[in-house]
C-alpha atoms as a PDB file:
ATOM      1  CA  UNK A   1     -89.502  26.044  -6.147  1.00  0.00           C
ATOM      2  CA  UNK A   2     -92.285  28.316  -7.266  1.00  0.00           C
ATOM      3  CA  UNK A   3     -92.644  29.442 -10.886  1.00  0.00           C
ATOM      4  CA  UNK A   4     -94.598  32.552 -11.706  1.00  0.00           C
ATOM      5  CA  UNK A   5     -96.492  32.040 -14.793  1.00  0.00           C
ATOM      6  CA  UNK A   6     -96.925  36.174 -15.071  1.00  0.00           C
ATOM      7  CA  UNK A   7     -96.483  39.616 -12.742  1.00  0.00           C
ATOM      8  CA  UNK A   8     -98.444  41.161 -10.581  1.00  0.00           C
ATOM      9  CA  UNK A   9     -99.205  42.076  -7.428  1.00  0.00           C
ATOM     10  CA  UNK A  10    -102.236  39.951  -7.342  1.00  0.00           C
ATOM     11  CA  UNK A  11     -99.467  37.176  -6.255  1.00  0.00           C
ATOM     12  CA  UNK A  12     -99.544  38.129  -2.318  1.00  0.00           C
ATOM     13  CA  UNK A  13    -103.858  38.029  -2.364  1.00  0.00           C
ATOM     14  CA  UNK A  14    -103.073  35.017   0.440  1.00  0.00           C
ATOM     15  CA  UNK A  15    -106.869  34.174  -0.676  1.00  0.00           C
ATOM     16  CA  UNK A  16    -109.034  31.351   1.027  1.00  0.00           C
ATOM     17  CA  UNK A  17    -112.074  29.848  -0.949  1.00  0.00           C
ATOM     18  CA  UNK A  18    -114.441  27.476   0.797  1.00  0.00           C
ATOM     19  CA  UNK A  19    -117.249  25.414  -1.135  1.00  0.00           C
ATOM     20  CA  UNK A  20    -119.394  23.848   1.844  1.00  0.00           C
ATOM     21  CA  UNK A  21    -121.458  20.999   0.728  1.00  0.00           C
ATOM     22  CA  UNK A  22    -124.307  19.454   2.223  1.00  0.00           C
ATOM     23  CA  UNK A  23    -122.067  16.275   3.013  1.00  0.00           C
ATOM     24  CA  UNK A  24    -118.602  15.229   3.156  1.00  0.00           C
ATOM     25  CA  UNK A  25    -119.831  12.747   0.168  1.00  0.00           C
ATOM     26  CA  UNK A  26    -120.589  15.220  -1.578  1.00  0.00           C
ATOM     27  CA  UNK A  27    -117.225  16.960  -0.678  1.00  0.00           C
ATOM     28  CA  UNK A  28    -115.558  14.280  -1.943  1.00  0.00           C
ATOM     29  CA  UNK A  29    -116.781  13.523  -5.053  1.00  0.00           C
ATOM     30  CA  UNK A  30    -116.369  17.283  -6.154  1.00  0.00           C
ATOM     31  CA  UNK A  31    -112.829  16.777  -5.131  1.00  0.00           C
ATOM     32  CA  UNK A  32    -112.328  13.774  -6.328  1.00  0.00           C
ATOM     33  CA  UNK A  33    -114.100  14.651  -9.780  1.00  0.00           C
ATOM     34  CA  UNK A  34    -111.977  18.362  -9.873  1.00  0.00           C
ATOM     35  CA  UNK A  35    -108.746  16.336  -9.782  1.00  0.00           C
ATOM     36  CA  UNK A  36    -109.766  14.124 -12.359  1.00  0.00           C
ATOM     37  CA  UNK A  37    -110.025  17.125 -14.765  1.00  0.00           C
ATOM     38  CA  UNK A  38    -107.085  18.645 -13.129  1.00  0.00           C
ATOM     39  CA  UNK A  39    -105.155  15.377 -14.517  1.00  0.00           C
ATOM     40  CA  UNK A  40    -106.527  15.067 -17.721  1.00  0.00           C
ATOM     41  CA  UNK A  41    -105.723  19.083 -18.616  1.00  0.00           C
ATOM     42  CA  UNK A  42    -102.267  19.557 -16.980  1.00  0.00           C
ATOM     43  CA  UNK A  43    -100.543  18.656 -19.329  1.00  0.00           C
ATOM     44  CA  UNK A  44    -102.886  19.776 -22.292  1.00  0.00           C
ATOM     45  CA  UNK A  45    -102.944  23.457 -21.059  1.00  0.00           C
ATOM     46  CA  UNK A  46    -100.643  26.154 -22.951  1.00  0.00           C
ATOM     47  CA  UNK A  47    -100.839  29.383 -20.967  1.00  0.00           C
ATOM     48  CA  UNK A  48    -101.073  32.417 -22.348  1.00  0.00           C
ATOM     49  CA  UNK A  49    -102.530  30.938 -25.441  1.00  0.00           C
ATOM     50  CA  UNK A  50    -103.398  33.391 -28.426  1.00  0.00           C
ATOM     51  CA  UNK A  51    -106.096  31.972 -29.419  1.00  0.00           C
ATOM     52  CA  UNK A  52    -109.377  32.452 -27.539  1.00  0.00           C
ATOM     53  CA  UNK A  53    -110.261  28.560 -28.310  1.00  0.00           C
ATOM     54  CA  UNK A  54    -110.760  25.060 -26.391  1.00  0.00           C
ATOM     55  CA  UNK A  55    -108.167  22.469 -28.228  1.00  0.00           C
ATOM     56  CA  UNK A  56    -109.629  18.982 -29.172  1.00  0.00           C
ATOM     57  CA  UNK A  57    -107.921  17.741 -26.532  1.00  0.00           C
ATOM     58  CA  UNK A  58    -109.540  19.704 -23.715  1.00  0.00           C
ATOM     59  CA  UNK A  59    -113.001  19.648 -25.742  1.00  0.00           C
ATOM     60  CA  UNK A  60    -112.842  16.326 -24.640  1.00  0.00           C
ATOM     61  CA  UNK A  61    -111.864  16.415 -21.120  1.00  0.00           C
ATOM     62  CA  UNK A  62    -114.256  18.537 -20.260  1.00  0.00           C
ATOM     63  CA  UNK A  63    -117.307  16.846 -21.882  1.00  0.00           C
ATOM     64  CA  UNK A  64    -116.242  13.535 -20.607  1.00  0.00           C
ATOM     65  CA  UNK A  65    -116.657  15.361 -17.402  1.00  0.00           C
ATOM     66  CA  UNK A  66    -119.775  16.952 -18.080  1.00  0.00           C
ATOM     67  CA  UNK A  67    -117.932  20.709 -17.253  1.00  0.00           C
ATOM     68  CA  UNK A  68    -119.607  23.421 -20.070  1.00  0.00           C
ATOM     69  CA  UNK A  69    -119.260  26.520 -18.033  1.00  0.00           C
ATOM     70  CA  UNK A  70    -115.391  26.827 -18.679  1.00  0.00           C
ATOM     71  CA  UNK A  71    -113.807  29.086 -20.865  1.00  0.00           C
ATOM     72  CA  UNK A  72    -110.458  28.951 -21.969  1.00  0.00           C
ATOM     73  CA  UNK A  73    -108.989  31.379 -19.515  1.00  0.00           C
ATOM     74  CA  UNK A  74    -110.580  29.339 -17.249  1.00  0.00           C
ATOM     75  CA  UNK A  75    -108.921  26.483 -17.853  1.00  0.00           C
ATOM     76  CA  UNK A  76    -105.428  28.385 -17.766  1.00  0.00           C
ATOM     77  CA  UNK A  77    -105.749  29.250 -14.191  1.00  0.00           C
ATOM     78  CA  UNK A  78    -105.428  25.746 -13.573  1.00  0.00           C
ATOM     79  CA  UNK A  79    -101.584  26.230 -14.179  1.00  0.00           C
ATOM     80  CA  UNK A  80    -101.626  28.947 -11.146  1.00  0.00           C
ATOM     81  CA  UNK A  81    -100.012  27.361  -8.138  1.00  0.00           C
ATOM     82  CA  UNK A  82    -102.814  26.577  -5.548  1.00  0.00           C
ATOM     83  CA  UNK A  83    -103.557  23.883  -2.694  1.00  0.00           C
ATOM     84  CA  UNK A  84    -106.884  21.935  -2.888  1.00  0.00           C
ATOM     85  CA  UNK A  85    -107.637  20.133  -0.056  1.00  0.00           C
ATOM     86  CA  UNK A  86    -110.914  18.060   1.733  1.00  0.00           C
ATOM     87  CA  UNK A  87    -112.264  18.952   5.299  1.00  0.00           C
ATOM     88  CA  UNK A  88    -115.490  17.268   6.752  1.00  0.00           C
ATOM     89  CA  UNK A  89    -118.015  18.925   4.422  1.00  0.00           C
ATOM     90  CA  UNK A  90    -115.592  21.613   2.600  1.00  0.00           C
ATOM     91  CA  UNK A  91    -113.722  22.016  -0.173  1.00  0.00           C
ATOM     92  CA  UNK A  92    -110.961  24.139   0.386  1.00  0.00           C
ATOM     93  CA  UNK A  93    -108.549  25.934  -2.195  1.00  0.00           C
ATOM     94  CA  UNK A  94    -105.645  28.504  -0.978  1.00  0.00           C
ATOM     95  CA  UNK A  95    -103.808  30.284  -3.542  1.00  0.00           C
ATOM     96  CA  UNK A  96    -101.872  33.979  -3.811  1.00  0.00           C
ATOM     97  CA  UNK A  97    -103.625  34.867  -7.046  1.00  0.00           C
ATOM     98  CA  UNK A  98    -106.716  36.659  -7.351  1.00  0.00           C
ATOM     99  CA  UNK A  99    -107.655  34.468 -10.880  1.00  0.00           C
ATOM    100  CA  UNK A 100    -110.208  32.367  -9.079  1.00  0.00           C
ATOM    101  CA  UNK A 101    -113.260  31.503 -11.830  1.00  0.00           C
ATOM    102  CA  UNK A 102    -112.795  28.417 -12.855  1.00  0.00           C
ATOM    103  CA  UNK A 103    -112.895  26.985  -8.836  1.00  0.00           C
ATOM    104  CA  UNK A 104    -116.082  29.278  -8.076  1.00  0.00           C
ATOM    105  CA  UNK A 105    -117.998  27.605 -11.127  1.00  0.00           C
ATOM    106  CA  UNK A 106    -116.907  24.271 -10.128  1.00  0.00           C
ATOM    107  CA  UNK A 107    -117.967  24.650  -6.986  1.00  0.00           C
ATOM    108  CA  UNK A 108    -121.321  27.104  -7.225  1.00  0.00           C
ATOM    109  CA  UNK A 109    -122.130  24.132 -10.298  1.00  0.00           C
ATOM    110  CA  UNK A 110    -121.329  21.379  -7.738  1.00  0.00           C
ATOM    111  CA  UNK A 111    -124.391  22.449  -5.478  1.00  0.00           C
ATOM    112  CA  UNK A 112    -121.265  24.072  -3.175  1.00  0.00           C
ATOM    113  CA  UNK A 113    -122.651  27.718  -1.170  1.00  0.00           C
ATOM    114  CA  UNK A 114    -118.931  29.760  -1.121  1.00  0.00           C
ATOM    115  CA  UNK A 115    -116.981  31.828   0.804  1.00  0.00           C
ATOM    116  CA  UNK A 116    -113.493  33.323  -0.440  1.00  0.00           C
ATOM    117  CA  UNK A 117    -111.749  35.903   1.689  1.00  0.00           C
ATOM    118  CA  UNK A 118    -107.997  37.025   2.589  1.00  0.00           C
ATOM    119  CA  UNK A 119    -105.784  34.973   5.109  1.00  0.00           C
ATOM    120  CA  UNK A 120    -104.199  38.673   5.681  1.00  0.00           C
ATOM    121  CA  UNK A 121    -107.735  39.528   6.790  1.00  0.00           C
ATOM    122  CA  UNK A 122    -108.688  36.872   8.682  1.00  0.00           C
ATOM    123  CA  UNK A 123    -105.719  34.669   9.571  1.00  0.00           C
ATOM    124  CA  UNK A 124    -107.559  32.992  12.662  1.00  0.00           C
ATOM    125  CA  UNK A 125    -108.636  30.555  10.594  1.00  0.00           C
ATOM    126  CA  UNK A 126    -105.736  28.577  10.148  1.00  0.00           C
ATOM    127  CA  UNK A 127    -106.305  28.084   6.206  1.00  0.00           C
ATOM    128  CA  UNK A 128    -103.952  31.107   5.046  1.00  0.00           C
ATOM    129  CA  UNK A 129    -100.301  30.647   3.907  1.00  0.00           C
END
């Protein structure tokens, strides 16, 4: 079951984001690091927090992975419904959300060339929902 954490028209964007890396090994390393970050932070993220700051636990997890560019608002996006998978030298995300800055920042910082589009407009790619 999908539980929406907010309301807005962005829930039907059918967004696809592809981070193109130079090699499959770079893509896998980036995906493994991303999965570690998300798994460590998943239970610590508070959606809709009233203060715009990181908890001590969140700061320690980000420092551990050398992540210095996420904002608290970026981190909240990790609780939204999305899929992340590898396809050779590509790290791919699909989502119904338009809040994607956390993914863009992560991909660019890890050396990817980023492609973003709506699968509604480009259904032949086979990556949308």
